[in-house]
Amino acid sequence: MAKSVVISQRAATDIDIILSNVIEFTGFEISGIRLFEEFSEKFDS
């Protein structure tokens, strides 16, 4: 059984910043969306 993961407010803020930086760097919003989906898949499993 997978362990639950609790993400602190600080970690959530850092993830948001990372996603924004990825979008800015690549110039494509889809890059941030895909990365968010990957994070969600890892943390939700």
C-alpha atoms as a PDB file:
ATOM      1  CA  MET A   1       0.000   0.000   0.000  1.00  0.00           C
ATOM      2  CA  ALA A   2       1.325   3.421  -0.919  1.00  0.00           C
ATOM      3  CA  LYS A   3       2.134   5.876   1.847  1.00  0.00           C
ATOM      4  CA  SER A   4       0.195   9.122   1.970  1.00  0.00           C
ATOM      5  CA  VAL A   5       2.121  12.245   1.227  1.00  0.00           C
ATOM      6  CA  VAL A   6       1.342  15.499   2.985  1.00  0.00           C
ATOM      7  CA  ILE A   7       2.545  18.559   1.118  1.00  0.00           C
ATOM      8  CA  SER A   8       3.174  21.603   3.273  1.00  0.00           C
ATOM      9  CA  GLN A   9       2.005  25.048   2.253  1.00  0.00           C
ATOM     10  CA  ARG A  10       5.642  25.983   1.602  1.00  0.00           C
ATOM     11  CA  ALA A  11       6.105  22.972  -0.675  1.00  0.00           C
ATOM     12  CA  ALA A  12       2.886  23.799  -2.556  1.00  0.00           C
ATOM     13  CA  THR A  13       4.110  27.370  -3.055  1.00  0.00           C
ATOM     14  CA  ASP A  14       7.484  26.107  -4.277  1.00  0.00           C
ATOM     15  CA  ILE A  15       5.765  23.761  -6.746  1.00  0.00           C
ATOM     16  CA  ASP A  16       3.683  26.664  -8.069  1.00  0.00           C
ATOM     17  CA  ILE A  17       6.859  28.704  -8.570  1.00  0.00           C
ATOM     18  CA  ILE A  18       8.562  25.811 -10.351  1.00  0.00           C
ATOM     19  CA  LEU A  19       5.579  25.366 -12.677  1.00  0.00           C
ATOM     20  CA  SER A  20       5.534  29.094 -13.465  1.00  0.00           C
ATOM     21  CA  ASN A  21       9.259  29.019 -14.199  1.00  0.00           C
ATOM     22  CA  VAL A  22       8.859  26.021 -16.506  1.00  0.00           C
ATOM     23  CA  ILE A  23       6.120  27.819 -18.445  1.00  0.00           C
ATOM     24  CA  GLU A  24       8.210  30.989 -18.678  1.00  0.00           C
ATOM     25  CA  PHE A  25      11.354  29.089 -19.727  1.00  0.00           C
ATOM     26  CA  THR A  26       9.696  26.924 -22.373  1.00  0.00           C
ATOM     27  CA  GLY A  27       7.178  29.500 -23.547  1.00  0.00           C
ATOM     28  CA  PHE A  28       4.467  26.838 -23.567  1.00  0.00           C
ATOM     29  CA  GLU A  29       1.736  26.540 -20.953  1.00  0.00           C
ATOM     30  CA  ILE A  30       1.320  22.860 -21.840  1.00  0.00           C
ATOM     31  CA  SER A  31       4.789  22.179 -20.376  1.00  0.00           C
ATOM     32  CA  GLY A  32       3.623  23.371 -16.964  1.00  0.00           C
ATOM     33  CA  ILE A  33       0.392  21.432 -17.266  1.00  0.00           C
ATOM     34  CA  ARG A  34       2.226  18.225 -18.106  1.00  0.00           C
ATOM     35  CA  LEU A  35       4.654  18.707 -15.223  1.00  0.00           C
ATOM     36  CA  PHE A  36       1.734  19.377 -12.869  1.00  0.00           C
ATOM     37  CA  GLU A  37       0.082  16.156 -14.067  1.00  0.00           C
ATOM     38  CA  GLU A  38       3.310  14.244 -13.413  1.00  0.00           C
ATOM     39  CA  PHE A  39       3.560  15.714  -9.888  1.00  0.00           C
ATOM     40  CA  SER A  40      -0.087  14.855  -9.230  1.00  0.00           C
ATOM     41  CA  GLU A  41       0.363  11.309 -10.477  1.00  0.00           C
ATOM     42  CA  LYS A  42       3.415  10.762  -8.236  1.00  0.00           C
ATOM     43  CA  PHE A  43       1.907  12.344  -5.129  1.00  0.00           C
ATOM     44  CA  ASP A  44      -1.565  10.815  -5.539  1.00  0.00           C
ATOM     45  CA  SER A  45      -0.355   7.250  -6.071  1.00  0.00           C
END
